[in-house]
């Protein structure tokens, strides 16, 4: 499976769409809660991921599916860690202070 490369400099359109998605999540959270918003986005992400896979894969095999799942899972982990760092900085390795 050929893995796409993420750009270091996303397009303006990319950033507009990211903000649109975040605004949508905030609206869902106001109506329900953040867990509801997160599940809606995760489901939509996985649904579109499957759609993208079937439209781009050359040979749909169990190995190709697992390679794609591994790639997407790794990308999510990487991006989530980046967002933790950007939003709050490094985590306190010691955890909560004990009294």
Protein backbone atom coordinates (compact mmCIF):
# COMPACT_ATOMS: atom_id res chain seq x y z
CA UNK A 1 0.00 0.00 0.00
CA UNK A 2 1.33 3.44 -0.91
CA UNK A 3 0.99 5.70 2.09
CA UNK A 4 0.16 9.35 1.44
CA UNK A 5 2.52 12.00 2.76
CA UNK A 6 1.15 14.68 5.05
CA UNK A 7 2.21 18.17 4.05
CA UNK A 8 4.16 20.33 6.47
CA UNK A 9 2.29 23.37 5.11
CA UNK A 10 -1.42 22.67 4.67
CA UNK A 11 -3.44 24.74 2.20
CA UNK A 12 -5.70 27.57 3.31
CA UNK A 13 -8.70 25.44 2.27
CA UNK A 14 -7.48 22.65 4.56
CA UNK A 15 -7.38 25.03 7.53
CA UNK A 16 -10.84 26.43 6.70
CA UNK A 17 -12.29 22.90 6.61
CA UNK A 18 -10.60 21.95 9.89
CA UNK A 19 -12.19 25.01 11.51
CA UNK A 20 -15.56 24.10 9.96
CA UNK A 21 -15.32 20.61 11.49
CA UNK A 22 -14.38 22.02 14.90
CA UNK A 23 -17.31 24.45 14.78
CA UNK A 24 -19.62 21.54 13.92
CA UNK A 25 -18.24 19.52 16.84
CA UNK A 26 -18.84 22.48 19.16
CA UNK A 27 -22.47 22.68 18.00
CA UNK A 28 -22.95 18.96 18.63
CA UNK A 29 -21.36 19.33 22.07
CA UNK A 30 -23.73 22.17 22.98
CA UNK A 31 -26.71 19.97 22.05
CA UNK A 32 -25.40 16.75 23.60
CA UNK A 33 -21.87 16.45 25.03
CA UNK A 34 -18.26 16.15 23.86
CA UNK A 35 -18.41 12.32 23.86
CA UNK A 36 -21.33 12.48 21.43
CA UNK A 37 -19.44 14.90 19.17
CA UNK A 38 -16.31 12.76 19.29
CA UNK A 39 -18.20 9.57 18.37
CA UNK A 40 -19.97 11.32 15.48
CA UNK A 41 -16.61 12.44 14.10
CA UNK A 42 -14.94 9.08 14.67
CA UNK A 43 -17.74 7.29 12.88
CA UNK A 44 -17.68 9.75 9.98
CA UNK A 45 -13.87 9.50 9.81
CA UNK A 46 -13.94 5.70 9.71
CA UNK A 47 -16.78 5.67 7.19
CA UNK A 48 -14.93 8.05 4.87
CA UNK A 49 -11.70 6.11 5.47
CA UNK A 50 -13.37 2.93 4.21
CA UNK A 51 -14.79 4.80 1.22
CA UNK A 52 -11.34 6.22 0.41
CA UNK A 53 -9.73 2.80 0.79
CA UNK A 54 -12.12 1.12 -1.66
CA UNK A 55 -11.66 3.95 -4.18
CA UNK A 56 -7.87 3.83 -4.10
CA UNK A 57 -6.79 0.27 -3.29
CA UNK A 58 -5.44 -1.72 -6.21
CA UNK A 59 -6.04 -5.17 -4.65
CA UNK A 60 -8.44 -5.50 -1.71
CA UNK A 61 -6.84 -8.18 0.43
CA UNK A 62 -6.87 -8.81 4.19
CA UNK A 63 -3.22 -7.69 4.27
CA UNK A 64 -3.99 -4.43 2.44
CA UNK A 65 -6.90 -3.70 4.77
CA UNK A 66 -4.71 -4.26 7.84
CA UNK A 67 -1.94 -2.12 6.36
CA UNK A 68 -4.44 0.70 5.79
CA UNK A 69 -5.90 0.34 9.29
CA UNK A 70 -2.38 0.44 10.73
CA UNK A 71 -1.50 3.52 8.68
CA UNK A 72 -4.64 5.41 9.72
CA UNK A 73 -4.31 4.36 13.35
CA UNK A 74 -0.72 5.56 13.41
CA UNK A 75 -1.68 8.85 11.75
CA UNK A 76 -4.40 9.47 14.36
CA UNK A 77 -2.00 8.72 17.22
CA UNK A 78 0.61 11.06 15.71
CA UNK A 79 -1.87 13.90 15.14
CA UNK A 80 -3.44 13.51 18.59
CA UNK A 81 -0.02 13.73 20.24
CA UNK A 82 0.78 16.81 18.15
CA UNK A 83 -2.45 18.46 19.27
CA UNK A 84 -1.80 17.65 22.94
CA UNK A 85 1.60 19.31 22.61
CA UNK A 86 0.26 22.34 20.73
CA UNK A 87 -2.66 22.88 23.10
CA UNK A 88 -1.05 22.23 26.49
CA UNK A 89 2.65 21.51 26.05
CA UNK A 90 4.32 18.38 27.42
CA UNK A 91 2.43 16.24 29.90
CA UNK A 92 3.61 16.18 33.49
CA UNK A 93 5.45 12.84 33.62
CA UNK A 94 4.93 12.61 37.37
CA UNK A 95 1.17 12.80 37.21
CA UNK A 96 -0.84 14.56 39.93
CA UNK A 97 1.12 15.71 42.96
CA UNK A 98 0.56 13.50 45.97
CA UNK A 99 -0.09 15.06 49.36
